[in-house]
Amino acid sequence: LGTSGFQSLSTLAGINGSIPIMDKLSTNLMVVGLYSPYTFYYEGMWYKTNVIVVPFVGFDYGATKTFKFNLSFTGVYEVKNNVLNYQAFVGGKFLF
C-alpha cells in the first residue's frame, strides 16, 4: 500500500446505555466522539475536520435464557464533511 503508517493524536468520549423495549427485546445505544487535531493516514490523507462521531444501535432478542439474536447498525461520520463508513451486523450472543 505505502511506506508510511498511521499517526494520530486524539481524545475519545462517549455514552452508552441499554433500554428494554419488550419482555425479550432490548436495545443498546452508544455514541462515541473523537477529537483529533492531528491525523495522518497512510499516504497523506488529512481529515478536513477535527471531530468524528461514531453512533451505534443494537437490538437483542432473547430466544432462550442463554442465547440472544442481535442486529446492530453503526457508522463513522466526519463532522461537516461526510459519512466515512457504515455497517450492519447480524449475530448471536451466548450468555454464560
C-alpha atoms as a PDB file:
ATOM      1  CA  LEU A   1       0.000   0.000   0.000  1.00  0.00           C
ATOM      2  CA  GLY A   2       2.561   2.546   1.057  1.00  0.00           C
ATOM      3  CA  THR A   3       5.637   3.131   3.119  1.00  0.00           C
ATOM      4  CA  SER A   4       4.166   5.415   5.777  1.00  0.00           C
ATOM      5  CA  GLY A   5       1.930   4.380   8.667  1.00  0.00           C
ATOM      6  CA  PHE A   6      -0.908   5.796  10.688  1.00  0.00           C
ATOM      7  CA  GLN A   7      -0.140   8.578  13.171  1.00  0.00           C
ATOM      8  CA  SER A   8      -2.668  10.366  15.340  1.00  0.00           C
ATOM      9  CA  LEU A   9      -3.180  12.382  18.495  1.00  0.00           C
ATOM     10  CA  SER A  10      -6.766  12.071  19.714  1.00  0.00           C
ATOM     11  CA  THR A  11      -9.242  12.157  22.597  1.00  0.00           C
ATOM     12  CA  LEU A  12     -12.320   9.913  22.928  1.00  0.00           C
ATOM     13  CA  ALA A  13     -15.545  10.447  24.872  1.00  0.00           C
ATOM     14  CA  GLY A  14     -18.845   8.641  24.713  1.00  0.00           C
ATOM     15  CA  ILE A  15     -22.076   7.482  26.270  1.00  0.00           C
ATOM     16  CA  ASN A  16     -23.597   4.013  26.418  1.00  0.00           C
ATOM     17  CA  GLY A  17     -26.961   2.714  27.582  1.00  0.00           C
ATOM     18  CA  SER A  18     -29.390  -0.160  27.349  1.00  0.00           C
ATOM     19  CA  ILE A  19     -33.163   0.246  27.062  1.00  0.00           C
ATOM     20  CA  PRO A  20     -35.643  -2.636  27.439  1.00  0.00           C
ATOM     21  CA  ILE A  21     -38.363  -2.472  24.772  1.00  0.00           C
ATOM     22  CA  MET A  22     -40.417  -5.617  25.489  1.00  0.00           C
ATOM     23  CA  ASP A  23     -40.021  -8.747  27.577  1.00  0.00           C
ATOM     24  CA  LYS A  24     -37.479 -10.400  25.222  1.00  0.00           C
ATOM     25  CA  LEU A  25     -36.380  -7.366  23.175  1.00  0.00           C
ATOM     26  CA  SER A  26     -33.898  -4.679  24.227  1.00  0.00           C
ATOM     27  CA  THR A  27     -31.753  -2.078  22.531  1.00  0.00           C
ATOM     28  CA  ASN A  28     -28.212  -0.874  23.192  1.00  0.00           C
ATOM     29  CA  LEU A  29     -27.275   2.682  22.269  1.00  0.00           C
ATOM     30  CA  MET A  30     -23.815   4.176  22.099  1.00  0.00           C
ATOM     31  CA  VAL A  31     -22.299   7.363  20.702  1.00  0.00           C
ATOM     32  CA  VAL A  32     -18.560   7.993  20.696  1.00  0.00           C
ATOM     33  CA  GLY A  33     -16.969  11.295  19.746  1.00  0.00           C
ATOM     34  CA  LEU A  34     -13.363  11.541  18.615  1.00  0.00           C
ATOM     35  CA  TYR A  35     -11.432  14.808  18.655  1.00  0.00           C
ATOM     36  CA  SER A  36      -8.276  14.516  16.628  1.00  0.00           C
ATOM     37  CA  PRO A  37      -6.314  17.685  15.887  1.00  0.00           C
ATOM     38  CA  TYR A  38      -3.541  15.667  14.211  1.00  0.00           C
ATOM     39  CA  THR A  39      -4.326  12.761  11.892  1.00  0.00           C
ATOM     40  CA  PHE A  40      -2.033  11.439   9.171  1.00  0.00           C
ATOM     41  CA  TYR A  41      -3.421   8.411   7.361  1.00  0.00           C
ATOM     42  CA  TYR A  42      -1.206   6.306   5.077  1.00  0.00           C
ATOM     43  CA  GLU A  43      -0.005   8.422   2.155  1.00  0.00           C
ATOM     44  CA  GLY A  44      -1.029  11.873   3.384  1.00  0.00           C
ATOM     45  CA  MET A  45      -4.822  11.912   3.683  1.00  0.00           C
ATOM     46  CA  TRP A  46      -5.693  14.516   6.322  1.00  0.00           C
ATOM     47  CA  TYR A  47      -9.165  14.730   7.772  1.00  0.00           C
ATOM     48  CA  LYS A  48     -10.854  18.018   6.926  1.00  0.00           C
ATOM     49  CA  THR A  49     -12.379  18.338  10.383  1.00  0.00           C
ATOM     50  CA  ASN A  50     -11.223  17.557  13.898  1.00  0.00           C
ATOM     51  CA  VAL A  51     -14.391  15.796  15.110  1.00  0.00           C
ATOM     52  CA  ILE A  52     -15.552  12.295  14.190  1.00  0.00           C
ATOM     53  CA  VAL A  53     -18.789  10.791  15.575  1.00  0.00           C
ATOM     54  CA  VAL A  54     -19.456   7.034  15.813  1.00  0.00           C
ATOM     55  CA  PRO A  55     -23.124   6.181  16.547  1.00  0.00           C
ATOM     56  CA  PHE A  56     -24.153   2.586  17.360  1.00  0.00           C
ATOM     57  CA  VAL A  57     -27.544   0.949  17.908  1.00  0.00           C
ATOM     58  CA  GLY A  58     -28.055  -2.756  18.548  1.00  0.00           C
ATOM     59  CA  PHE A  59     -31.197  -4.814  19.089  1.00  0.00           C
ATOM     60  CA  ASP A  60     -31.140  -8.027  21.152  1.00  0.00           C
ATOM     61  CA  TYR A  61     -33.893 -10.622  21.029  1.00  0.00           C
ATOM     62  CA  GLY A  62     -33.688 -13.216  23.817  1.00  0.00           C
ATOM     63  CA  ALA A  63     -34.527 -16.550  22.172  1.00  0.00           C
ATOM     64  CA  THR A  64     -33.664 -18.521  25.349  1.00  0.00           C
ATOM     65  CA  LYS A  65     -32.196 -17.702  28.762  1.00  0.00           C
ATOM     66  CA  THR A  66     -28.663 -18.248  27.403  1.00  0.00           C
ATOM     67  CA  PHE A  67     -28.903 -17.099  23.752  1.00  0.00           C
ATOM     68  CA  LYS A  68     -29.801 -13.776  22.104  1.00  0.00           C
ATOM     69  CA  PHE A  69     -30.078 -12.835  18.428  1.00  0.00           C
ATOM     70  CA  ASN A  70     -28.503  -9.470  17.640  1.00  0.00           C
ATOM     71  CA  LEU A  71     -28.988  -6.910  14.851  1.00  0.00           C
ATOM     72  CA  SER A  72     -26.675  -3.879  15.012  1.00  0.00           C
ATOM     73  CA  PHE A  73     -26.039  -0.752  12.961  1.00  0.00           C
ATOM     74  CA  THR A  74     -23.044   1.556  13.207  1.00  0.00           C
ATOM     75  CA  GLY A  75     -21.225   4.170  11.182  1.00  0.00           C
ATOM     76  CA  VAL A  76     -18.474   6.774  11.201  1.00  0.00           C
ATOM     77  CA  TYR A  77     -19.346  10.395  10.419  1.00  0.00           C
ATOM     78  CA  GLU A  78     -16.775  13.118   9.855  1.00  0.00           C
ATOM     79  CA  VAL A  79     -18.491  16.281  11.135  1.00  0.00           C
ATOM     80  CA  LYS A  80     -19.067  18.961   8.453  1.00  0.00           C
ATOM     81  CA  ASN A  81     -17.852  16.592   5.742  1.00  0.00           C
ATOM     82  CA  ASN A  82     -19.361  13.164   5.001  1.00  0.00           C
ATOM     83  CA  VAL A  83     -20.034   9.613   6.144  1.00  0.00           C
ATOM     84  CA  LEU A  84     -16.796   7.624   6.163  1.00  0.00           C
ATOM     85  CA  ASN A  85     -18.264   4.187   6.870  1.00  0.00           C
ATOM     86  CA  TYR A  86     -21.496   2.404   7.811  1.00  0.00           C
ATOM     87  CA  GLN A  87     -22.161  -1.228   8.712  1.00  0.00           C
ATOM     88  CA  ALA A  88     -24.947  -3.635   9.646  1.00  0.00           C
ATOM     89  CA  PHE A  89     -24.249  -6.753  11.718  1.00  0.00           C
ATOM     90  CA  VAL A  90     -26.314  -9.876  12.367  1.00  0.00           C
ATOM     91  CA  GLY A  91     -25.208 -12.313  15.025  1.00  0.00           C
ATOM     92  CA  GLY A  92     -25.842 -14.085  18.269  1.00  0.00           C
ATOM     93  CA  LYS A  93     -24.773 -13.838  21.892  1.00  0.00           C
ATOM     94  CA  PHE A  94     -24.282 -16.742  24.280  1.00  0.00           C
ATOM     95  CA  LEU A  95     -24.757 -15.821  27.928  1.00  0.00           C
ATOM     96  CA  PHE A  96     -22.826 -17.858  30.476  1.00  0.00           C
END
